[in-house]
Amino acid sequence: MTVQPVPNRLVAATFAVLVAAKLVLLAIDPAPRMFLGDSASYLHAAATGWVPPDRSYAYPLFIRLVTHHDASLLPLLLAQSMLGVATALIMLRILAGAFGLDARIAAAMACVFALGPEQLFYERMVMAESGSLFALAAMLAAGFAYLRDGRLAWLPCIALCGALATAYRISVVPFVLGFAALPIAVRFLTDASWSRRTVLRAALHGVAALALCGVAQAGVQRWYDAVFDMHHEYRADYSAHSGFFRLSLVLPLVQPGDAKRVGLAPGFIDALPPGWNDYRAREQQLWGEDTFIARMRAQHGDVVANRMARKLAARALRHDPMQLFVLATRTLGDYFDPETARPRLRDDMGERTPTRAEADAVRQRWGFDPIETAAQPSPVGTWFSLGAPWLVFCLFALVPLAVVTLATGWRHQRAASMLLALASLGLFLGHALFSAIVSYRYLHAFALFVLLNLGAIVANLVERRRLQSPGREPVPR
């Protein structure tokens, strides 16, 4: 397939339309939205320099950077809206540049993404989703660029964009690590001539990609360790409480003997309240007051308990790793259980009421009362609520769409189709295996990948039809 460059005039027009649309929608619905307690932690960290032990610190620094200590969050909403525009333009470039989709159709799909319910909503949320998704889109674009020309210079771009994404949202770590060497592997597997030089080049580039990714991720961990743990009591990681997060994910797999081996008192598990190992209670066990993790912290302190939790999670998983897939299947099924899904949607919409003290602190520093704001009608919030089925569709349709992308592009656009299909599968597996709850905000990135696959399928079908005309021969790419 001969891929034509995207006309600069079309890019500029799409940019202008999206910026105008974002500004108009911000004028209609300009209120910041909060998800407690994440948003409160981010705002407190941005205002005081406090480093959260269990959440991103990069995002509070971003808030501080764009607000310039101004007593308003409007600059943050503007910045996140512009990140949404930038992500949409990256999507346009991938569809038109990597798959040869008609640039006008690609621009229209980019607009659909930018005005989607999940994107508009999280541009108003004091949450790291918009920034992380932009970094993931940039990483994906760098991967397609490497696929096109095989230049070594794209590999640091992939690693740095991945590091930025994980600094904003720890939950994307599995996807970023899996993507690191994927473009090199796909380029090698779809190369028609497996010469000795090709094999050597792929091996060297693969090692370089993994090394760069490792260095970049270690840099994120060391940076967080430097700003949080001045006494080096914790092991360098993405957050100080990463052990608790790992344990909560696999808590139903813990056996009494595991607890004893990591140093917990005999009878510790027997004394726990009933339901501690319920797969639906994993988030509650992480944040609740009288839970497995809370009792560990009370008895041993945060530092020691976090180390215990890390070891306990590893032991629990070693018994039967396939049980993680069982937990994933049960959690995915809860998206179709209204009694579970509806409260989660309301929670993700920010309907959890802050305390008066939290609301007063936000009002004094940032000029708005989150209690009053949450009570006001929100067109974008309504749009997000109506779009919840769309997000669930994106979750479960992504893998089938990825298979169709690969099938339709196998003869003439094999490399790009394979990269997008495998990346989509990685996104799904990362969510399914490492998400302990039903959460619509965790599905934020899925809409982008679904639209990318839909655009790729259209481009592949158009190209297939063109090649089936007399005198045309497919040329694998």
Protein backbone atom coordinates (compact mmCIF):
# COMPACT_ATOMS: atom_id res chain seq x y z
CA MET A 1 0.00 0.00 0.00
CA THR A 2 1.28 3.44 -0.88
CA VAL A 3 0.55 5.71 2.05
CA GLN A 4 0.10 9.36 1.21
CA PRO A 5 1.07 12.05 3.74
CA VAL A 6 -1.78 13.71 5.59
CA PRO A 7 -2.43 17.18 4.10
CA ASN A 8 -1.29 19.88 6.51
CA ARG A 9 -4.37 21.88 5.66
CA LEU A 10 -6.62 19.06 6.85
CA VAL A 11 -4.62 18.67 10.07
CA ALA A 12 -4.88 22.41 10.70
CA ALA A 13 -8.62 22.39 10.00
CA THR A 14 -9.18 19.42 12.32
CA PHE A 15 -7.14 21.13 15.02
CA ALA A 16 -9.14 24.35 14.66
CA VAL A 17 -12.48 22.54 14.76
CA LEU A 18 -11.54 20.52 17.83
CA VAL A 19 -10.13 23.49 19.74
CA ALA A 20 -13.27 25.52 18.98
CA ALA A 21 -15.50 22.61 20.04
CA LYS A 22 -13.55 22.10 23.27
CA LEU A 23 -13.76 25.79 24.16
CA VAL A 24 -17.49 25.95 23.48
CA LEU A 25 -18.12 22.84 25.57
CA LEU A 26 -15.95 24.20 28.37
CA ALA A 27 -18.03 27.38 28.33
CA ILE A 28 -21.19 25.27 28.62
CA ASP A 29 -19.85 22.94 31.32
CA PRO A 30 -16.76 24.48 32.98
CA ALA A 31 -16.98 22.87 36.43
CA PRO A 32 -14.11 20.65 37.60
CA ARG A 33 -15.16 17.20 38.78
CA MET A 34 -13.60 15.18 41.56
CA PHE A 35 -13.22 11.47 42.22
CA LEU A 36 -12.59 10.96 45.92
CA GLY A 37 -10.22 10.41 47.43
CA ASP A 38 -7.82 10.41 44.42
CA SER A 39 -8.65 13.94 43.31
CA ALA A 40 -8.37 15.35 46.82
CA SER A 41 -4.94 13.73 47.19
CA TYR A 42 -3.79 15.16 43.86
CA LEU A 43 -4.94 18.68 44.73
CA HIS A 44 -3.40 18.53 48.20
CA ALA A 45 -0.13 17.29 46.73
CA ALA A 46 -0.16 20.04 44.07
CA ALA A 47 -0.79 22.74 46.67
CA THR A 48 1.62 21.60 49.39
CA GLY A 49 4.28 19.41 47.78
CA TRP A 50 3.16 16.39 49.80
CA VAL A 51 3.99 13.14 47.99
CA PRO A 52 1.15 10.56 47.94
CA PRO A 53 2.27 7.11 49.09
CA ASP A 54 -0.31 5.32 46.94
CA ARG A 55 -0.93 7.50 43.89
CA SER A 56 0.90 9.32 41.11
CA TYR A 57 3.03 12.31 42.04
CA ALA A 58 3.65 13.28 38.41
CA TYR A 59 0.03 14.38 38.02
CA PRO A 60 0.13 16.82 40.99
CA LEU A 61 3.27 18.31 39.46
CA PHE A 62 1.36 18.72 36.18
CA ILE A 63 -1.46 20.49 38.06
CA ARG A 64 1.06 22.82 39.68
CA LEU A 65 2.76 23.48 36.35
CA VAL A 66 -0.36 24.43 34.38
CA THR A 67 -2.12 26.36 37.16
CA HIS A 68 0.97 28.37 38.14
CA HIS A 69 -0.34 28.60 41.71
CA ASP A 70 -3.47 30.29 40.38
CA ALA A 71 -6.53 29.83 42.61
CA SER A 72 -8.47 28.20 39.80
CA LEU A 73 -8.53 24.85 38.06
CA LEU A 74 -9.68 26.26 34.72
CA PRO A 75 -6.08 26.15 33.35
CA LEU A 76 -6.00 22.44 34.24
CA LEU A 77 -9.23 21.77 32.34
CA LEU A 78 -7.91 23.73 29.35
CA ALA A 79 -4.61 21.82 29.42
CA GLN A 80 -6.38 18.45 29.62
CA SER A 81 -8.69 19.47 26.78
CA MET A 82 -5.68 20.34 24.64
CA LEU A 83 -4.15 16.96 25.47
CA GLY A 84 -7.38 15.46 24.15
CA VAL A 85 -6.97 17.41 20.92
CA ALA A 86 -3.35 16.26 20.61
CA THR A 87 -4.38 12.64 21.18
CA ALA A 88 -7.04 12.96 18.46
CA LEU A 89 -4.46 14.32 16.01
CA ILE A 90 -2.16 11.39 16.80
CA MET A 91 -5.06 9.08 16.02
CA LEU A 92 -5.57 10.85 12.70
CA ARG A 93 -1.89 10.42 11.82
CA ILE A 94 -1.90 6.72 12.69
CA LEU A 95 -5.03 5.93 10.67
CA ALA A 96 -4.01 7.92 7.62
CA GLY A 97 -0.26 7.42 7.82
CA ALA A 98 0.03 3.78 8.92
CA PHE A 99 -3.13 2.34 7.34
CA GLY A 100 -3.77 4.66 4.42
CA LEU A 101 -7.31 5.51 5.54
CA ASP A 102 -8.76 8.45 3.62
CA ALA A 103 -7.57 11.48 5.58
CA ARG A 104 -11.05 12.99 5.70
CA ILE A 105 -12.47 9.83 7.26
CA ALA A 106 -9.55 9.68 9.67
CA ALA A 107 -10.20 13.30 10.67
CA ALA A 108 -13.88 12.53 11.25
CA MET A 109 -13.00 9.57 13.46
CA ALA A 110 -10.53 11.71 15.39
CA CYS A 111 -13.37 14.16 16.06
CA VAL A 112 -15.60 11.31 17.23
CA PHE A 113 -12.93 10.30 19.71
CA ALA A 114 -12.25 13.84 20.93
CA LEU A 115 -15.95 14.49 21.58
CA GLY A 116 -16.63 11.07 23.07
CA PRO A 117 -18.26 10.88 26.51
CA GLU A 118 -15.25 9.37 28.27
CA GLN A 119 -12.82 11.89 26.80
CA LEU A 120 -14.86 15.00 27.56
CA PHE A 121 -15.62 13.76 31.05
CA TYR A 122 -12.03 13.01 32.05
CA GLU A 123 -10.84 16.31 30.65
CA ARG A 124 -12.95 17.84 33.44
CA MET A 125 -11.99 15.32 36.10
CA VAL A 126 -9.07 16.05 38.41
CA MET A 127 -7.61 12.71 37.38
CA ALA A 128 -4.57 11.56 35.41
CA GLU A 129 -6.47 9.77 32.62
CA SER A 130 -6.10 12.44 29.90
CA GLY A 131 -2.37 12.85 30.39
CA SER A 132 -1.70 9.13 30.52
CA LEU A 133 -3.76 8.44 27.39
CA PHE A 134 -1.87 11.11 25.46
CA ALA A 135 1.43 9.46 26.45
CA LEU A 136 0.10 6.03 25.42
CA ALA A 137 -1.06 7.39 22.05
CA ALA A 138 2.36 8.99 21.49
CA MET A 139 4.05 5.68 22.37
CA LEU A 140 1.80 3.86 19.91
CA ALA A 141 2.56 6.42 17.18
CA ALA A 142 6.31 6.01 17.78
CA GLY A 143 5.82 2.25 17.43
CA PHE A 144 4.13 2.68 14.04
CA ALA A 145 6.88 5.07 12.98
CA TYR A 146 9.50 2.43 13.81
CA LEU A 147 7.48 -0.11 11.88
CA ARG A 148 7.60 2.16 8.83
CA ASP A 149 11.34 2.88 8.64
CA GLY A 150 13.05 0.78 11.32
CA ARG A 151 15.05 3.72 12.66
CA LEU A 152 16.74 3.16 16.01
CA ALA A 153 15.87 6.74 17.04
CA TRP A 154 12.22 5.76 17.57
CA LEU A 155 13.07 3.34 20.38
CA PRO A 156 13.94 6.03 22.97
CA CYS A 157 10.68 7.77 22.04
CA ILE A 158 8.73 4.58 22.80
CA ALA A 159 10.54 4.17 26.13
CA LEU A 160 10.13 7.79 27.22
CA CYS A 161 6.44 7.98 26.27
CA GLY A 162 5.86 4.73 28.15
CA ALA A 163 7.65 6.10 31.21
CA LEU A 164 5.48 9.23 31.11
CA ALA A 165 2.33 7.10 30.88
CA THR A 166 3.30 4.97 33.89
CA ALA A 167 4.34 8.03 35.91
CA TYR A 168 0.77 9.28 35.49
CA ARG A 169 -1.06 5.97 35.93
CA ILE A 170 0.54 2.89 37.45
CA SER A 171 -2.22 0.66 36.06
CA VAL A 172 -0.79 0.94 32.51
CA VAL A 173 2.57 -0.60 33.50
CA PRO A 174 1.74 -4.09 32.11
CA PHE A 175 0.70 -2.62 28.75
CA VAL A 176 3.76 -0.38 28.48
CA LEU A 177 6.17 -3.20 29.33
CA GLY A 178 4.51 -5.51 26.84
CA PHE A 179 4.65 -2.93 24.06
CA ALA A 180 8.36 -2.09 24.48
CA ALA A 181 9.77 -4.57 21.95
CA LEU A 182 6.54 -5.30 20.07
CA PRO A 183 7.24 -3.05 17.03
CA ILE A 184 10.64 -4.71 16.57
CA ALA A 185 9.13 -8.20 16.78
CA VAL A 186 6.34 -7.34 14.33
CA ARG A 187 8.73 -5.74 11.85
CA PHE A 188 10.96 -8.81 11.98
CA LEU A 189 8.10 -11.33 11.70
CA THR A 190 6.59 -9.57 8.69
CA ASP A 191 9.91 -9.06 6.90
CA ALA A 192 9.90 -11.07 3.68
CA SER A 193 13.65 -11.77 3.80
CA TRP A 194 14.94 -13.32 7.00
CA SER A 195 18.57 -12.77 6.13
CA ARG A 196 21.35 -13.00 8.66
CA ARG A 197 21.57 -9.21 8.66
CA THR A 198 17.84 -8.90 9.34
CA VAL A 199 18.00 -11.32 12.26
CA LEU A 200 21.01 -9.55 13.77
CA ARG A 201 19.39 -6.13 13.36
CA ALA A 202 16.14 -7.30 14.97
CA ALA A 203 18.05 -8.87 17.87
CA LEU A 204 20.10 -5.72 18.51
CA HIS A 205 17.06 -3.46 18.27
CA GLY A 206 15.06 -5.78 20.53
CA VAL A 207 17.76 -5.73 23.19
CA ALA A 208 18.00 -1.94 22.85
CA ALA A 209 14.23 -1.53 23.18
CA LEU A 210 14.05 -3.68 26.31
CA ALA A 211 17.07 -1.96 27.84
CA LEU A 212 15.68 1.51 27.14
CA CYS A 213 12.32 0.54 28.55
CA GLY A 214 13.96 -0.90 31.66
CA VAL A 215 16.07 2.19 32.20
CA ALA A 216 13.10 4.52 31.68
CA GLN A 217 10.86 2.57 34.07
CA ALA A 218 13.65 2.30 36.65
CA GLY A 219 14.06 6.05 36.30
CA VAL A 220 10.39 6.59 37.17
CA GLN A 221 10.73 4.33 40.19
CA ARG A 222 13.98 5.90 41.39
CA TRP A 223 12.58 9.40 40.95
CA TYR A 224 9.51 8.56 43.02
CA ASP A 225 11.72 6.89 45.62
CA ALA A 226 13.87 10.02 45.82
CA VAL A 227 10.98 12.42 46.36
CA PHE A 228 9.01 10.18 48.74
CA ASP A 229 11.38 8.08 50.83
CA MET A 230 14.10 10.32 52.18
CA HIS A 231 15.28 7.60 54.58
CA HIS A 232 15.22 4.78 51.99
CA GLU A 233 13.04 2.53 54.09
CA TYR A 234 10.97 1.47 51.12
CA ARG A 235 12.05 -0.46 48.06
CA ALA A 236 12.07 1.76 44.95
CA ASP A 237 8.78 1.30 43.10
CA TYR A 238 6.01 3.21 41.36
CA SER A 239 4.37 3.90 44.73
CA ALA A 240 5.30 3.35 48.34
CA HIS A 241 2.33 1.04 48.88
CA SER A 242 2.71 -1.09 45.77
CA GLY A 243 2.88 -4.24 47.88
CA PHE A 244 -0.60 -3.58 49.25
CA PHE A 245 -1.97 -3.11 45.74
CA ARG A 246 -0.44 -6.39 44.58
CA LEU A 247 -1.79 -8.26 47.58
CA SER A 248 -5.30 -6.86 47.18
CA LEU A 249 -5.36 -8.09 43.57
CA VAL A 250 -4.67 -11.73 44.53
CA LEU A 251 -6.09 -11.77 48.05
CA PRO A 252 -8.67 -14.50 47.30
CA LEU A 253 -5.75 -16.81 46.43
CA VAL A 254 -3.98 -16.42 49.79
CA GLN A 255 -3.80 -19.56 51.95
CA PRO A 256 -3.27 -19.68 55.72
CA GLY A 257 0.18 -21.20 55.33
CA ASP A 258 1.28 -18.26 53.19
CA ALA A 259 0.51 -15.78 55.95
CA LYS A 260 2.58 -17.71 58.47
CA ARG A 261 5.57 -17.96 56.12
CA VAL A 262 5.82 -14.19 55.62
CA GLY A 263 5.78 -13.50 59.36
CA LEU A 264 2.14 -12.90 60.22
CA ALA A 265 1.01 -14.18 63.59
CA PRO A 266 -0.54 -17.67 63.83
CA GLY A 267 -4.29 -17.39 63.58
CA PHE A 268 -4.11 -14.03 61.78
CA ILE A 269 -6.35 -15.21 58.95
CA ASP A 270 -8.74 -17.09 61.26
CA ALA A 271 -9.40 -13.86 63.19
CA LEU A 272 -10.37 -11.86 60.08
CA PRO A 273 -13.99 -10.83 59.50
CA PRO A 274 -15.92 -13.09 57.11
CA GLY A 275 -15.65 -12.27 53.42
CA TRP A 276 -12.03 -11.10 53.46
CA ASN A 277 -11.28 -13.33 50.45
CA ASP A 278 -14.36 -12.43 48.41
CA TYR A 279 -13.19 -11.41 44.93
CA ARG A 280 -15.61 -8.46 44.98
CA ALA A 281 -14.15 -7.18 48.26
CA ARG A 282 -10.59 -6.72 46.99
CA GLU A 283 -10.81 -2.93 46.75
CA GLN A 284 -12.49 -2.74 50.15
CA GLN A 285 -9.69 -4.85 51.63
CA LEU A 286 -7.22 -2.28 50.32
CA TRP A 287 -8.94 0.86 51.65
CA GLY A 288 -11.18 -0.38 54.48
CA GLU A 289 -10.59 0.10 58.21
CA ASP A 290 -10.85 -3.45 59.60
CA THR A 291 -9.48 -5.57 56.78
CA PHE A 292 -6.64 -7.96 56.03
CA ILE A 293 -4.34 -5.14 54.87
CA ALA A 294 -5.44 -2.68 57.57
CA ARG A 295 -4.62 -5.20 60.30
CA MET A 296 -1.23 -5.92 58.73
CA ARG A 297 -0.44 -2.21 58.75
CA ALA A 298 -1.66 -1.79 62.33
CA GLN A 299 0.46 -4.68 63.63
CA HIS A 300 3.67 -4.18 61.66
CA GLY A 301 3.70 -0.60 60.37
CA ASP A 302 3.52 0.52 56.75
CA VAL A 303 7.10 -0.26 55.76
CA VAL A 304 7.26 -3.83 57.09
CA ALA A 305 3.65 -4.61 56.16
CA ASN A 306 4.26 -3.44 52.58
CA ARG A 307 7.20 -5.83 52.28
CA MET A 308 5.11 -8.64 53.74
CA ALA A 309 2.31 -7.86 51.30
CA ARG A 310 4.69 -8.08 48.35
CA LYS A 311 5.97 -11.49 49.45
CA LEU A 312 2.49 -12.73 50.28
CA ALA A 313 1.17 -11.72 46.86
CA ALA A 314 4.00 -13.61 45.14
CA ARG A 315 3.37 -16.74 47.23
CA ALA A 316 -0.38 -16.63 46.61
CA LEU A 317 0.09 -16.36 42.86
CA ARG A 318 2.59 -19.22 42.71
CA HIS A 319 0.02 -21.75 43.95
CA ASP A 320 -2.00 -21.60 40.74
CA PRO A 321 -1.32 -18.68 38.36
CA MET A 322 -4.30 -19.66 36.22
CA GLN A 323 -6.59 -18.62 39.06
CA LEU A 324 -5.79 -15.03 38.13
CA PHE A 325 -7.65 -15.67 34.87
CA VAL A 326 -10.59 -17.05 36.86
CA LEU A 327 -10.70 -13.89 38.98
CA ALA A 328 -10.48 -11.80 35.81
CA THR A 329 -13.40 -13.64 34.20
CA ARG A 330 -15.60 -13.16 37.27
CA THR A 331 -14.78 -9.44 37.49
CA LEU A 332 -15.47 -8.93 33.78
CA GLY A 333 -18.81 -10.66 34.23
CA ASP A 334 -19.77 -8.08 36.87
CA TYR A 335 -20.10 -5.43 34.12
CA PHE A 336 -23.38 -7.21 33.31
CA ASP A 337 -24.56 -7.31 36.93
CA PRO A 338 -26.62 -4.12 37.50
CA GLU A 339 -26.30 -4.33 41.29
CA THR A 340 -22.51 -4.14 40.93
CA ALA A 341 -22.13 -1.97 37.83
CA ARG A 342 -24.56 0.86 38.64
CA PRO A 343 -22.96 1.87 41.94
CA ARG A 344 -19.55 1.73 40.26
CA LEU A 345 -20.74 4.06 37.51
CA ARG A 346 -22.10 6.56 40.04
CA ASP A 347 -18.82 6.37 41.93
CA ASP A 348 -16.78 6.95 38.76
CA MET A 349 -18.96 9.97 38.00
CA GLY A 350 -17.74 11.58 41.21
CA GLU A 351 -20.94 11.25 43.21
CA ARG A 352 -19.06 10.26 46.36
CA THR A 353 -19.63 13.18 48.75
CA PRO A 354 -16.51 14.78 50.24
CA THR A 355 -16.39 15.73 53.90
CA ARG A 356 -17.00 19.37 54.76
CA ALA A 357 -13.34 19.71 55.75
CA GLU A 358 -12.19 18.36 52.36
CA ALA A 359 -14.61 20.65 50.52
CA ASP A 360 -13.48 23.70 52.51
CA ALA A 361 -9.81 22.96 51.80
CA VAL A 362 -10.50 22.74 48.07
CA ARG A 363 -12.64 25.87 48.08
CA GLN A 364 -10.03 27.94 49.93
CA ARG A 365 -7.19 26.89 47.61
CA TRP A 366 -8.88 26.38 44.26
CA GLY A 367 -11.98 28.54 44.41
CA PHE A 368 -14.77 25.98 44.03
CA ASP A 369 -16.84 23.88 46.38
CA PRO A 370 -16.87 20.22 45.24
CA ILE A 371 -20.07 19.52 47.18
CA GLU A 372 -21.96 22.28 45.38
CA THR A 373 -20.37 21.39 42.05
CA ALA A 374 -21.35 17.72 42.34
CA ALA A 375 -24.96 18.75 42.97
CA GLN A 376 -25.17 20.93 39.85
CA PRO A 377 -26.45 19.54 36.50
CA SER A 378 -23.61 18.58 34.18
CA PRO A 379 -24.22 18.03 30.45
CA VAL A 380 -20.87 16.27 30.13
CA GLY A 381 -21.62 14.13 33.19
CA THR A 382 -24.95 13.14 31.64
CA TRP A 383 -23.16 12.36 28.36
CA PHE A 384 -20.72 10.15 30.24
CA SER A 385 -23.55 8.34 32.03
CA LEU A 386 -25.34 7.72 28.74
CA GLY A 387 -22.06 6.56 27.21
CA ALA A 388 -21.40 3.88 29.83
CA PRO A 389 -22.74 1.07 27.56
CA TRP A 390 -20.39 2.32 24.84
CA LEU A 391 -17.42 1.83 27.16
CA VAL A 392 -18.55 -1.68 28.06
CA PHE A 393 -18.93 -2.40 24.35
CA CYS A 394 -15.38 -1.14 23.78
CA LEU A 395 -14.07 -3.47 26.49
CA PHE A 396 -15.61 -6.61 25.06
CA ALA A 397 -15.43 -5.72 21.36
CA LEU A 398 -11.76 -4.77 21.32
CA VAL A 399 -10.33 -8.27 20.94
CA PRO A 400 -12.81 -9.39 18.20
CA LEU A 401 -12.16 -6.14 16.34
CA ALA A 402 -8.40 -6.71 16.64
CA VAL A 403 -8.84 -10.16 15.06
CA VAL A 404 -10.81 -8.60 12.19
CA THR A 405 -8.12 -5.93 11.78
CA LEU A 406 -5.46 -8.60 11.44
CA ALA A 407 -7.56 -10.73 9.08
CA THR A 408 -8.52 -7.89 6.74
CA GLY A 409 -4.96 -6.55 6.57
CA TRP A 410 -3.11 -9.87 6.38
CA ARG A 411 -2.30 -9.76 2.65
CA HIS A 412 -1.53 -6.11 2.04
CA GLN A 413 -1.04 -4.31 5.42
CA ARG A 414 0.22 -7.10 7.61
CA ALA A 415 2.75 -5.28 9.78
CA ALA A 416 0.57 -2.33 10.84
CA SER A 417 -2.47 -4.57 11.33
CA MET A 418 -0.48 -7.01 13.46
CA LEU A 419 0.96 -4.26 15.63
CA LEU A 420 -2.44 -2.71 16.30
CA ALA A 421 -4.07 -6.10 16.89
CA LEU A 422 -1.41 -7.26 19.37
CA ALA A 423 -1.38 -3.90 21.16
CA SER A 424 -5.17 -4.10 21.49
CA LEU A 425 -4.92 -7.62 22.91
CA GLY A 426 -2.30 -6.38 25.37
CA LEU A 427 -4.54 -3.54 26.51
CA PHE A 428 -7.41 -5.95 27.12
CA LEU A 429 -5.27 -8.47 29.01
CA GLY A 430 -3.67 -5.75 31.10
CA HIS A 431 -7.09 -4.55 32.19
CA ALA A 432 -8.66 -7.97 32.65
CA LEU A 433 -5.83 -9.48 34.70
CA PHE A 434 -4.84 -6.49 36.82
CA SER A 435 -8.15 -4.80 37.58
CA ALA A 436 -9.88 -5.97 40.76
CA ILE A 437 -13.13 -4.06 40.27
CA VAL A 438 -15.70 -2.94 37.75
CA SER A 439 -14.54 0.56 36.83
CA TYR A 440 -15.64 2.68 33.90
CA ARG A 441 -12.73 5.05 34.29
CA TYR A 442 -10.37 2.11 33.74
CA LEU A 443 -11.97 1.79 30.27
CA HIS A 444 -10.96 5.29 29.21
CA ALA A 445 -8.28 4.11 26.76
CA PHE A 446 -10.47 1.43 25.19
CA ALA A 447 -12.50 3.88 23.09
CA LEU A 448 -9.34 5.13 21.37
CA PHE A 449 -8.22 1.60 20.51
CA VAL A 450 -11.68 0.55 19.29
CA LEU A 451 -11.85 3.55 16.96
CA LEU A 452 -8.32 2.84 15.72
CA ASN A 453 -9.34 -0.73 14.89
CA LEU A 454 -12.54 0.39 13.18
CA GLY A 455 -10.59 2.85 11.06
CA ALA A 456 -7.96 0.23 10.24
CA ILE A 457 -10.64 -2.26 9.19
CA VAL A 458 -12.25 0.29 6.86
CA ALA A 459 -8.85 1.11 5.34
CA ASN A 460 -8.00 -2.57 4.93
CA LEU A 461 -11.32 -3.38 3.25
CA VAL A 462 -11.00 -0.43 0.88
CA GLU A 463 -7.50 -1.51 -0.07
CA ARG A 464 -8.59 -5.12 -0.53
CA ARG A 465 -11.35 -4.02 -2.88
CA ARG A 466 -8.91 -1.84 -4.81
CA LEU A 467 -6.45 -4.71 -5.19
CA GLN A 468 -9.18 -7.03 -6.44
CA SER A 469 -9.75 -4.80 -9.46
CA PRO A 470 -8.17 -6.03 -12.73
CA GLY A 471 -4.44 -5.59 -13.03
CA ARG A 472 -3.77 -5.14 -9.32
CA GLU A 473 -1.56 -7.42 -7.23
CA PRO A 474 -1.34 -7.29 -3.44
CA VAL A 475 1.98 -6.26 -2.00
CA PRO A 476 2.41 -7.48 1.62
CA ARG A 477 3.60 -4.83 4.05
